Amino acid sequence: MTGYGGRRTQAERDAITVESGYALCSAAFAAAVVLGAVAGPSLLFALPPTVETLLLGAGSALATVLFAVRTVAVLVRFRRAGQPSQPGRTNPDS
């Protein structure tokens, strides 16, 4: 439902779908980069088992938290970015 009690238009539904897909893809990419940066050395080098476990655990935890934070941040920003009441006009006084 929109702010005025009406149904969403197809354009609004499409915008929500695209923004949700972007949020998930960008969050997955950021999480993969963080996981690779933190846990990567444990997979590439011969490190003591305790250090390997610590790096893998820390990388997994950071990647999970980053995924959730990035997804929520993108979706909240999309929700707050109000749509113009008159499409094509950028100045509220016009």
N, C-alpha and C. Protein backbone atom coordinates (compact mmCIF):
# COMPACT_ATOMS: atom_id res chain seq x y z
N MET A 1 0.83 -1.17 0.00
CA MET A 1 0.00 0.00 0.00
C MET A 1 0.89 1.24 0.00
N THR A 2 0.47 2.23 -0.73
CA THR A 2 1.21 3.49 -0.77
C THR A 2 0.78 4.36 0.40
N GLY A 3 1.41 5.53 0.50
CA GLY A 3 1.09 6.44 1.59
C GLY A 3 -0.33 6.96 1.54
N TYR A 4 -0.99 6.89 0.39
CA TYR A 4 -2.34 7.41 0.25
C TYR A 4 -3.40 6.31 0.27
N GLY A 5 -3.02 5.10 0.62
CA GLY A 5 -3.98 4.02 0.73
C GLY A 5 -4.27 3.32 -0.58
N GLY A 6 -3.65 3.74 -1.66
CA GLY A 6 -3.89 3.10 -2.95
C GLY A 6 -2.92 1.97 -3.20
N ARG A 7 -3.12 1.30 -4.32
CA ARG A 7 -2.23 0.21 -4.69
C ARG A 7 -0.99 0.76 -5.36
N ARG A 8 0.09 -0.01 -5.31
CA ARG A 8 1.33 0.39 -5.98
C ARG A 8 1.19 0.19 -7.48
N THR A 9 1.81 1.10 -8.21
CA THR A 9 1.80 0.97 -9.66
C THR A 9 2.85 -0.06 -10.07
N GLN A 10 2.81 -0.46 -11.31
CA GLN A 10 3.80 -1.42 -11.81
C GLN A 10 5.20 -0.82 -11.74
N ALA A 11 5.33 0.46 -12.00
CA ALA A 11 6.64 1.11 -11.93
C ALA A 11 7.18 1.08 -10.50
N GLU A 12 6.32 1.29 -9.53
CA GLU A 12 6.76 1.23 -8.12
C GLU A 12 7.17 -0.18 -7.74
N ARG A 13 6.41 -1.16 -8.18
CA ARG A 13 6.78 -2.55 -7.89
C ARG A 13 8.09 -2.91 -8.57
N ASP A 14 8.29 -2.46 -9.80
CA ASP A 14 9.55 -2.72 -10.49
C ASP A 14 10.72 -2.06 -9.78
N ALA A 15 10.53 -0.84 -9.30
CA ALA A 15 11.60 -0.13 -8.59
C ALA A 15 11.98 -0.86 -7.30
N ILE A 16 10.99 -1.39 -6.60
CA ILE A 16 11.26 -2.14 -5.37
C ILE A 16 12.03 -3.42 -5.69
N THR A 17 11.64 -4.10 -6.77
CA THR A 17 12.32 -5.33 -7.16
C THR A 17 13.77 -5.06 -7.54
N VAL A 18 14.00 -4.03 -8.33
CA VAL A 18 15.36 -3.69 -8.74
C VAL A 18 16.20 -3.29 -7.54
N GLU A 19 15.65 -2.49 -6.65
CA GLU A 19 16.40 -2.04 -5.48
C GLU A 19 16.71 -3.20 -4.54
N SER A 20 15.78 -4.13 -4.39
CA SER A 20 16.04 -5.31 -3.56
C SER A 20 17.14 -6.17 -4.16
N GLY A 21 17.11 -6.36 -5.47
CA GLY A 21 18.16 -7.12 -6.14
C GLY A 21 19.51 -6.46 -6.01
N TYR A 22 19.54 -5.14 -6.16
CA TYR A 22 20.79 -4.39 -6.00
C TYR A 22 21.32 -4.53 -4.58
N ALA A 23 20.43 -4.42 -3.59
CA ALA A 23 20.84 -4.52 -2.19
C ALA A 23 21.47 -5.88 -1.92
N LEU A 24 20.86 -6.94 -2.41
CA LEU A 24 21.38 -8.29 -2.16
C LEU A 24 22.69 -8.53 -2.90
N CYS A 25 22.77 -8.11 -4.15
CA CYS A 25 24.00 -8.33 -4.93
C CYS A 25 25.17 -7.51 -4.39
N SER A 26 24.93 -6.26 -4.06
CA SER A 26 26.02 -5.44 -3.54
C SER A 26 26.45 -5.93 -2.16
N ALA A 27 25.52 -6.40 -1.36
CA ALA A 27 25.86 -6.93 -0.04
C ALA A 27 26.66 -8.22 -0.16
N ALA A 28 26.27 -9.09 -1.10
CA ALA A 28 27.00 -10.34 -1.30
C ALA A 28 28.43 -10.07 -1.79
N PHE A 29 28.57 -9.11 -2.69
CA PHE A 29 29.90 -8.76 -3.19
C PHE A 29 30.78 -8.21 -2.07
N ALA A 30 30.24 -7.28 -1.29
CA ALA A 30 31.01 -6.69 -0.19
C ALA A 30 31.38 -7.75 0.84
N ALA A 31 30.46 -8.65 1.14
CA ALA A 31 30.75 -9.71 2.11
C ALA A 31 31.83 -10.65 1.58
N ALA A 32 31.79 -10.97 0.28
CA ALA A 32 32.81 -11.84 -0.30
C ALA A 32 34.19 -11.19 -0.27
N VAL A 33 34.24 -9.90 -0.52
CA VAL A 33 35.52 -9.19 -0.47
C VAL A 33 36.09 -9.20 0.94
N VAL A 34 35.25 -8.93 1.93
CA VAL A 34 35.71 -8.92 3.32
C VAL A 34 36.13 -10.33 3.75
N LEU A 35 35.36 -11.32 3.39
CA LEU A 35 35.72 -12.70 3.72
C LEU A 35 37.06 -13.07 3.10
N GLY A 36 37.24 -12.72 1.84
CA GLY A 36 38.51 -13.01 1.18
C GLY A 36 39.68 -12.28 1.79
N ALA A 37 39.46 -11.04 2.19
CA ALA A 37 40.55 -10.25 2.77
C ALA A 37 40.95 -10.75 4.16
N VAL A 38 39.96 -11.15 4.95
CA VAL A 38 40.26 -11.56 6.32
C VAL A 38 40.66 -13.03 6.38
N ALA A 39 39.89 -13.91 5.72
CA ALA A 39 40.15 -15.35 5.81
C ALA A 39 41.09 -15.85 4.72
N GLY A 40 41.33 -15.05 3.70
CA GLY A 40 42.19 -15.48 2.60
C GLY A 40 43.58 -15.93 3.00
N PRO A 41 44.27 -15.20 3.84
CA PRO A 41 45.61 -15.63 4.23
C PRO A 41 45.65 -17.02 4.87
N SER A 42 44.60 -17.38 5.59
CA SER A 42 44.59 -18.70 6.21
C SER A 42 44.45 -19.81 5.16
N LEU A 43 43.88 -19.48 4.02
CA LEU A 43 43.74 -20.47 2.95
C LEU A 43 44.96 -20.51 2.04
N LEU A 44 45.71 -19.42 1.97
CA LEU A 44 46.87 -19.35 1.08
C LEU A 44 48.18 -19.76 1.73
N PHE A 45 48.31 -19.50 3.02
CA PHE A 45 49.58 -19.74 3.70
C PHE A 45 49.43 -20.82 4.76
N ALA A 46 50.54 -21.45 5.07
CA ALA A 46 50.57 -22.45 6.13
C ALA A 46 50.71 -21.73 7.47
N LEU A 47 49.60 -21.56 8.14
CA LEU A 47 49.58 -20.87 9.43
C LEU A 47 49.26 -21.89 10.53
N PRO A 48 49.56 -21.55 11.76
CA PRO A 48 49.17 -22.44 12.86
C PRO A 48 47.65 -22.65 12.87
N PRO A 49 47.21 -23.84 13.28
CA PRO A 49 45.77 -24.14 13.26
C PRO A 49 44.91 -23.14 14.03
N THR A 50 45.41 -22.63 15.14
CA THR A 50 44.65 -21.66 15.93
C THR A 50 44.44 -20.37 15.15
N VAL A 51 45.46 -19.91 14.47
CA VAL A 51 45.36 -18.69 13.69
C VAL A 51 44.42 -18.89 12.51
N GLU A 52 44.50 -20.04 11.84
CA GLU A 52 43.60 -20.33 10.73
C GLU A 52 42.14 -20.31 11.18
N THR A 53 41.88 -20.98 12.30
CA THR A 53 40.52 -21.01 12.83
C THR A 53 40.04 -19.62 13.19
N LEU A 54 40.89 -18.85 13.82
CA LEU A 54 40.54 -17.48 14.21
C LEU A 54 40.24 -16.62 12.99
N LEU A 55 41.08 -16.70 11.96
CA LEU A 55 40.85 -15.90 10.76
C LEU A 55 39.57 -16.32 10.03
N LEU A 56 39.33 -17.61 9.92
CA LEU A 56 38.12 -18.08 9.25
C LEU A 56 36.87 -17.65 10.03
N GLY A 57 36.93 -17.77 11.34
CA GLY A 57 35.77 -17.36 12.17
C GLY A 57 35.53 -15.87 12.10
N ALA A 58 36.60 -15.09 12.22
CA ALA A 58 36.45 -13.63 12.17
C ALA A 58 35.96 -13.19 10.79
N GLY A 59 36.51 -13.78 9.74
CA GLY A 59 36.07 -13.42 8.39
C GLY A 59 34.62 -13.75 8.15
N SER A 60 34.19 -14.92 8.61
CA SER A 60 32.79 -15.32 8.45
C SER A 60 31.86 -14.40 9.23
N ALA A 61 32.24 -14.08 10.46
CA ALA A 61 31.41 -13.20 11.28
C ALA A 61 31.31 -11.80 10.67
N LEU A 62 32.44 -11.26 10.25
CA LEU A 62 32.43 -9.92 9.63
C LEU A 62 31.62 -9.91 8.34
N ALA A 63 31.78 -10.95 7.53
CA ALA A 63 31.04 -11.01 6.27
C ALA A 63 29.54 -11.09 6.51
N THR A 64 29.13 -11.86 7.50
CA THR A 64 27.71 -11.97 7.81
C THR A 64 27.13 -10.65 8.29
N VAL A 65 27.84 -9.98 9.18
CA VAL A 65 27.38 -8.69 9.69
C VAL A 65 27.35 -7.65 8.57
N LEU A 66 28.38 -7.63 7.75
CA LEU A 66 28.42 -6.67 6.64
C LEU A 66 27.29 -6.90 5.66
N PHE A 67 26.99 -8.17 5.36
CA PHE A 67 25.89 -8.48 4.45
C PHE A 67 24.57 -7.91 4.98
N ALA A 68 24.30 -8.15 6.25
CA ALA A 68 23.04 -7.66 6.83
C ALA A 68 22.99 -6.14 6.88
N VAL A 69 24.08 -5.51 7.29
CA VAL A 69 24.10 -4.05 7.41
C VAL A 69 23.97 -3.40 6.03
N ARG A 70 24.67 -3.92 5.04
CA ARG A 70 24.61 -3.35 3.69
C ARG A 70 23.21 -3.49 3.11
N THR A 71 22.60 -4.65 3.27
CA THR A 71 21.25 -4.87 2.73
C THR A 71 20.26 -3.90 3.36
N VAL A 72 20.29 -3.80 4.67
CA VAL A 72 19.35 -2.90 5.37
C VAL A 72 19.62 -1.45 5.00
N ALA A 73 20.88 -1.06 4.92
CA ALA A 73 21.21 0.33 4.60
C ALA A 73 20.69 0.73 3.21
N VAL A 74 20.87 -0.14 2.23
CA VAL A 74 20.40 0.18 0.88
C VAL A 74 18.88 0.27 0.85
N LEU A 75 18.20 -0.66 1.51
CA LEU A 75 16.74 -0.65 1.48
C LEU A 75 16.16 0.53 2.26
N VAL A 76 16.77 0.90 3.36
CA VAL A 76 16.30 2.06 4.13
C VAL A 76 16.51 3.33 3.33
N ARG A 77 17.67 3.45 2.67
CA ARG A 77 17.94 4.64 1.86
C ARG A 77 16.93 4.74 0.72
N PHE A 78 16.58 3.61 0.12
CA PHE A 78 15.59 3.61 -0.96
C PHE A 78 14.22 4.06 -0.43
N ARG A 79 13.86 3.58 0.73
CA ARG A 79 12.55 3.91 1.29
C ARG A 79 12.45 5.39 1.64
N ARG A 80 13.55 5.97 2.13
CA ARG A 80 13.55 7.39 2.52
C ARG A 80 13.64 8.33 1.34
N ALA A 81 14.15 7.87 0.21
CA ALA A 81 14.31 8.73 -0.96
C ALA A 81 12.94 8.89 -1.62
N GLY A 82 12.16 9.79 -1.10
CA GLY A 82 10.79 9.98 -1.57
C GLY A 82 10.71 10.25 -3.06
N GLN A 83 9.68 9.77 -3.65
CA GLN A 83 9.44 9.99 -5.07
C GLN A 83 8.81 11.37 -5.25
N PRO A 84 9.15 12.05 -6.33
CA PRO A 84 8.54 13.37 -6.55
C PRO A 84 7.04 13.23 -6.78
N SER A 85 6.28 14.20 -6.27
CA SER A 85 4.83 14.13 -6.42
C SER A 85 4.40 14.41 -7.86
N GLN A 86 5.24 15.14 -8.57
CA GLN A 86 4.96 15.43 -9.98
C GLN A 86 6.17 15.01 -10.79
N PRO A 87 6.10 13.84 -11.43
CA PRO A 87 7.25 13.35 -12.17
C PRO A 87 7.74 14.34 -13.21
N GLY A 88 9.06 14.47 -13.31
CA GLY A 88 9.65 15.37 -14.26
C GLY A 88 9.99 16.73 -13.68
N ARG A 89 9.47 17.03 -12.52
CA ARG A 89 9.75 18.32 -11.88
C ARG A 89 10.65 18.08 -10.67
N THR A 90 11.74 18.80 -10.64
CA THR A 90 12.68 18.62 -9.54
C THR A 90 12.53 19.70 -8.47
N ASN A 91 11.97 20.83 -8.80
CA ASN A 91 11.80 21.91 -7.86
C ASN A 91 10.40 21.85 -7.28
N PRO A 92 10.24 21.75 -5.97
CA PRO A 92 8.90 21.66 -5.40
C PRO A 92 8.04 22.89 -5.65
N ASP A 93 8.66 24.02 -5.97
CA ASP A 93 7.89 25.24 -6.21
C ASP A 93 7.42 25.38 -7.66
N SER A 94 7.82 24.46 -8.55
CA SER A 94 7.42 24.63 -9.95
C SER A 94 6.07 24.03 -10.24
